[in-house]
Amino acid sequence: MHAGLAGNVDVVGYRLQYYDSRVIERQVRDQQYRLEDGTTADWPLLAQVLQLGLTDVTRVLIKQANFDVNTMMVVGGRRVPLFSRVT
């Protein structure tokens, strides 16, 4: 998670070689991410790197680890696809 947020594509790519992407996607989430309206969300790393504009890290997560922009997040007690919150 730290390498992703720092924009370190090489480290992110290296780490993804050795781990199951489904497990990683579940682990690299902030389950108490506070949105602007004060509600909390189950916020995945992919959402954060998209929001920060870290396109190289985003590409690695999508291509190499199969992270999905359609992944479901819990926002305000409702399940919504990631892309609908980030865009």
N, C-alpha and C. Protein backbone atom coordinates (compact mmCIF):
# COMPACT_ATOMS: atom_id res chain seq x y z
N MET A 1 0.83 -1.19 0.00
CA MET A 1 0.00 0.00 0.00
C MET A 1 0.87 1.25 0.00
N HIS A 2 1.93 1.25 0.81
CA HIS A 2 2.80 2.42 0.89
C HIS A 2 3.47 2.71 -0.46
N ALA A 3 3.93 1.66 -1.12
CA ALA A 3 4.58 1.84 -2.42
C ALA A 3 3.59 2.39 -3.44
N GLY A 4 2.37 1.91 -3.40
CA GLY A 4 1.35 2.40 -4.33
C GLY A 4 1.04 3.86 -4.13
N LEU A 5 0.87 4.26 -2.88
CA LEU A 5 0.55 5.66 -2.58
C LEU A 5 1.73 6.58 -2.85
N ALA A 6 2.94 6.03 -2.78
CA ALA A 6 4.14 6.82 -3.08
C ALA A 6 4.40 6.90 -4.59
N GLY A 7 3.61 6.15 -5.36
CA GLY A 7 3.81 6.16 -6.81
C GLY A 7 4.98 5.34 -7.28
N ASN A 8 5.46 4.41 -6.45
CA ASN A 8 6.62 3.60 -6.78
C ASN A 8 6.19 2.36 -7.58
N VAL A 9 6.11 2.52 -8.88
CA VAL A 9 5.60 1.47 -9.77
C VAL A 9 6.45 0.21 -9.71
N ASP A 10 7.77 0.35 -9.64
CA ASP A 10 8.66 -0.81 -9.63
C ASP A 10 8.40 -1.71 -8.43
N VAL A 11 8.27 -1.11 -7.26
CA VAL A 11 8.03 -1.90 -6.04
C VAL A 11 6.65 -2.54 -6.09
N VAL A 12 5.65 -1.81 -6.54
CA VAL A 12 4.30 -2.36 -6.65
C VAL A 12 4.31 -3.57 -7.59
N GLY A 13 4.92 -3.42 -8.76
CA GLY A 13 4.99 -4.53 -9.71
C GLY A 13 5.73 -5.73 -9.15
N TYR A 14 6.82 -5.48 -8.45
CA TYR A 14 7.60 -6.57 -7.86
C TYR A 14 6.78 -7.32 -6.82
N ARG A 15 6.10 -6.59 -5.94
CA ARG A 15 5.30 -7.23 -4.89
C ARG A 15 4.15 -8.07 -5.47
N LEU A 16 3.56 -7.59 -6.54
CA LEU A 16 2.41 -8.28 -7.12
C LEU A 16 2.78 -9.62 -7.76
N GLN A 17 4.06 -9.81 -8.06
CA GLN A 17 4.50 -11.08 -8.65
C GLN A 17 4.33 -12.25 -7.70
N TYR A 18 4.36 -11.99 -6.42
CA TYR A 18 4.43 -13.07 -5.43
C TYR A 18 3.17 -13.29 -4.62
N TYR A 19 2.13 -12.54 -4.88
CA TYR A 19 0.92 -12.65 -4.08
C TYR A 19 -0.31 -12.82 -4.94
N ASP A 20 -1.31 -13.45 -4.39
CA ASP A 20 -2.59 -13.62 -5.07
C ASP A 20 -3.31 -12.27 -5.10
N SER A 21 -3.64 -11.79 -6.29
CA SER A 21 -4.22 -10.44 -6.43
C SER A 21 -5.55 -10.30 -5.70
N ARG A 22 -6.33 -11.38 -5.62
CA ARG A 22 -7.62 -11.28 -4.91
C ARG A 22 -7.41 -11.03 -3.43
N VAL A 23 -6.39 -11.66 -2.87
CA VAL A 23 -6.07 -11.46 -1.46
C VAL A 23 -5.57 -10.04 -1.23
N ILE A 24 -4.68 -9.59 -2.12
CA ILE A 24 -4.12 -8.24 -1.98
C ILE A 24 -5.21 -7.19 -2.07
N GLU A 25 -6.12 -7.34 -3.03
CA GLU A 25 -7.17 -6.33 -3.21
C GLU A 25 -8.02 -6.20 -1.95
N ARG A 26 -8.27 -7.31 -1.28
CA ARG A 26 -9.04 -7.24 -0.02
C ARG A 26 -8.22 -6.61 1.11
N GLN A 27 -6.91 -6.83 1.09
CA GLN A 27 -6.07 -6.35 2.18
C GLN A 27 -5.71 -4.87 2.07
N VAL A 28 -5.60 -4.35 0.86
CA VAL A 28 -5.17 -2.96 0.70
C VAL A 28 -6.38 -2.04 0.59
N ARG A 29 -7.15 -2.02 1.65
CA ARG A 29 -8.35 -1.19 1.75
C ARG A 29 -8.33 -0.46 3.08
N ASP A 30 -8.83 0.75 3.05
CA ASP A 30 -9.06 1.50 4.29
C ASP A 30 -10.55 1.37 4.57
N GLN A 31 -10.89 0.56 5.55
CA GLN A 31 -12.31 0.28 5.81
C GLN A 31 -13.01 1.41 6.55
N GLN A 32 -12.26 2.40 6.97
CA GLN A 32 -12.86 3.56 7.66
C GLN A 32 -12.49 4.87 6.98
N TYR A 33 -12.36 4.86 5.65
CA TYR A 33 -12.02 6.06 4.89
C TYR A 33 -13.16 7.07 5.03
N ARG A 34 -12.81 8.29 5.41
CA ARG A 34 -13.84 9.32 5.62
C ARG A 34 -14.00 10.16 4.37
N LEU A 35 -15.23 10.16 3.84
CA LEU A 35 -15.55 10.95 2.66
C LEU A 35 -15.83 12.40 3.05
N GLU A 36 -15.93 13.26 2.05
CA GLU A 36 -16.13 14.69 2.30
C GLU A 36 -17.40 14.99 3.08
N ASP A 37 -18.42 14.16 2.90
CA ASP A 37 -19.68 14.40 3.62
C ASP A 37 -19.69 13.82 5.02
N GLY A 38 -18.55 13.25 5.45
CA GLY A 38 -18.43 12.73 6.81
C GLY A 38 -18.74 11.26 6.95
N THR A 39 -19.30 10.64 5.91
CA THR A 39 -19.57 9.20 5.98
C THR A 39 -18.27 8.43 5.76
N THR A 40 -18.28 7.19 6.17
CA THR A 40 -17.10 6.34 5.96
C THR A 40 -17.36 5.39 4.80
N ALA A 41 -16.27 4.93 4.21
CA ALA A 41 -16.37 4.02 3.06
C ALA A 41 -15.28 2.96 3.15
N ASP A 42 -15.56 1.83 2.54
CA ASP A 42 -14.58 0.76 2.38
C ASP A 42 -13.79 1.11 1.12
N TRP A 43 -12.67 1.80 1.27
CA TRP A 43 -11.97 2.48 0.17
C TRP A 43 -10.75 1.68 -0.27
N PRO A 44 -10.77 1.09 -1.47
CA PRO A 44 -9.63 0.30 -1.94
C PRO A 44 -8.46 1.16 -2.43
N LEU A 45 -7.29 0.56 -2.45
CA LEU A 45 -6.09 1.23 -2.94
C LEU A 45 -6.29 1.74 -4.36
N LEU A 46 -6.96 0.96 -5.20
CA LEU A 46 -7.18 1.40 -6.58
C LEU A 46 -7.94 2.72 -6.63
N ALA A 47 -8.92 2.89 -5.78
CA ALA A 47 -9.67 4.15 -5.73
C ALA A 47 -8.76 5.30 -5.34
N GLN A 48 -7.88 5.06 -4.38
CA GLN A 48 -7.00 6.13 -3.91
C GLN A 48 -5.98 6.54 -4.96
N VAL A 49 -5.38 5.57 -5.65
CA VAL A 49 -4.39 5.94 -6.66
C VAL A 49 -5.05 6.63 -7.85
N LEU A 50 -6.28 6.22 -8.18
CA LEU A 50 -7.03 6.93 -9.22
C LEU A 50 -7.30 8.36 -8.81
N GLN A 51 -7.71 8.53 -7.58
CA GLN A 51 -8.03 9.86 -7.08
C GLN A 51 -6.79 10.76 -7.03
N LEU A 52 -5.64 10.18 -6.74
CA LEU A 52 -4.39 10.93 -6.67
C LEU A 52 -3.77 11.16 -8.05
N GLY A 53 -4.32 10.53 -9.07
CA GLY A 53 -3.78 10.70 -10.42
C GLY A 53 -2.51 9.91 -10.67
N LEU A 54 -2.29 8.84 -9.93
CA LEU A 54 -1.10 8.02 -10.09
C LEU A 54 -1.37 6.98 -11.18
N THR A 55 -1.33 7.42 -12.43
CA THR A 55 -1.75 6.58 -13.54
C THR A 55 -0.85 5.37 -13.76
N ASP A 56 0.45 5.50 -13.52
CA ASP A 56 1.34 4.35 -13.70
C ASP A 56 1.03 3.25 -12.70
N VAL A 57 0.79 3.62 -11.46
CA VAL A 57 0.43 2.63 -10.43
C VAL A 57 -0.93 2.02 -10.77
N THR A 58 -1.85 2.86 -11.23
CA THR A 58 -3.19 2.37 -11.61
C THR A 58 -3.07 1.31 -12.69
N ARG A 59 -2.26 1.57 -13.71
CA ARG A 59 -2.08 0.60 -14.79
C ARG A 59 -1.54 -0.73 -14.28
N VAL A 60 -0.54 -0.67 -13.39
CA VAL A 60 0.04 -1.90 -12.85
C VAL A 60 -1.00 -2.67 -12.06
N LEU A 61 -1.78 -1.99 -11.24
CA LEU A 61 -2.80 -2.68 -10.44
C LEU A 61 -3.86 -3.32 -11.31
N ILE A 62 -4.24 -2.66 -12.38
CA ILE A 62 -5.28 -3.20 -13.26
C ILE A 62 -4.73 -4.32 -14.15
N LYS A 63 -3.56 -4.09 -14.76
CA LYS A 63 -3.01 -5.08 -15.69
C LYS A 63 -2.40 -6.28 -14.98
N GLN A 64 -1.53 -6.01 -14.02
CA GLN A 64 -0.75 -7.09 -13.43
C GLN A 64 -1.49 -7.81 -12.31
N ALA A 65 -2.35 -7.09 -11.59
CA ALA A 65 -3.02 -7.72 -10.45
C ALA A 65 -4.51 -7.91 -10.69
N ASN A 66 -4.99 -7.49 -11.86
CA ASN A 66 -6.41 -7.64 -12.19
C ASN A 66 -7.33 -6.91 -11.22
N PHE A 67 -6.87 -5.82 -10.62
CA PHE A 67 -7.76 -5.00 -9.81
C PHE A 67 -8.83 -4.46 -10.74
N ASP A 68 -10.04 -4.33 -10.26
CA ASP A 68 -11.18 -4.05 -11.13
C ASP A 68 -11.85 -2.74 -10.73
N VAL A 69 -12.06 -1.84 -11.70
CA VAL A 69 -12.75 -0.59 -11.40
C VAL A 69 -14.22 -0.82 -11.09
N ASN A 70 -14.71 -2.02 -11.35
CA ASN A 70 -16.09 -2.37 -11.00
C ASN A 70 -16.21 -3.01 -9.63
N THR A 71 -15.08 -3.12 -8.92
CA THR A 71 -15.12 -3.73 -7.60
C THR A 71 -16.08 -2.96 -6.70
N MET A 72 -16.75 -3.68 -5.84
CA MET A 72 -17.77 -3.06 -4.99
C MET A 72 -17.14 -2.49 -3.72
N MET A 73 -17.62 -1.32 -3.33
CA MET A 73 -17.20 -0.68 -2.09
C MET A 73 -18.46 -0.42 -1.27
N VAL A 74 -18.28 -0.37 0.03
CA VAL A 74 -19.41 -0.03 0.90
C VAL A 74 -19.29 1.45 1.23
N VAL A 75 -20.29 2.23 0.80
CA VAL A 75 -20.33 3.67 1.03
C VAL A 75 -21.67 4.00 1.67
N GLY A 76 -21.63 4.53 2.88
CA GLY A 76 -22.87 4.90 3.55
C GLY A 76 -23.82 3.74 3.73
N GLY A 77 -23.29 2.54 3.94
CA GLY A 77 -24.11 1.36 4.12
C GLY A 77 -24.60 0.72 2.83
N ARG A 78 -24.28 1.33 1.67
CA ARG A 78 -24.68 0.77 0.38
C ARG A 78 -23.46 0.28 -0.38
N ARG A 79 -23.65 -0.76 -1.17
CA ARG A 79 -22.57 -1.27 -2.03
C ARG A 79 -22.66 -0.57 -3.38
N VAL A 80 -21.55 0.08 -3.78
CA VAL A 80 -21.50 0.78 -5.06
C VAL A 80 -20.20 0.42 -5.78
N PRO A 81 -20.20 0.45 -7.11
CA PRO A 81 -18.95 0.17 -7.83
C PRO A 81 -17.95 1.31 -7.63
N LEU A 82 -16.69 0.95 -7.55
CA LEU A 82 -15.61 1.92 -7.32
C LEU A 82 -15.68 3.07 -8.31
N PHE A 83 -15.85 2.78 -9.60
CA PHE A 83 -15.79 3.85 -10.59
C PHE A 83 -16.86 4.92 -10.37
N SER A 84 -17.96 4.57 -9.77
CA SER A 84 -19.04 5.54 -9.58
C SER A 84 -18.70 6.55 -8.48
N ARG A 85 -17.79 6.20 -7.59
CA ARG A 85 -17.39 7.13 -6.53
C ARG A 85 -16.20 7.96 -6.92
N VAL A 86 -15.32 7.43 -7.73
CA VAL A 86 -14.05 8.10 -8.04
C VAL A 86 -14.22 9.10 -9.18
N THR A 87 -15.05 8.79 -10.15
CA THR A 87 -15.19 9.66 -11.32
C THR A 87 -16.08 10.84 -11.03
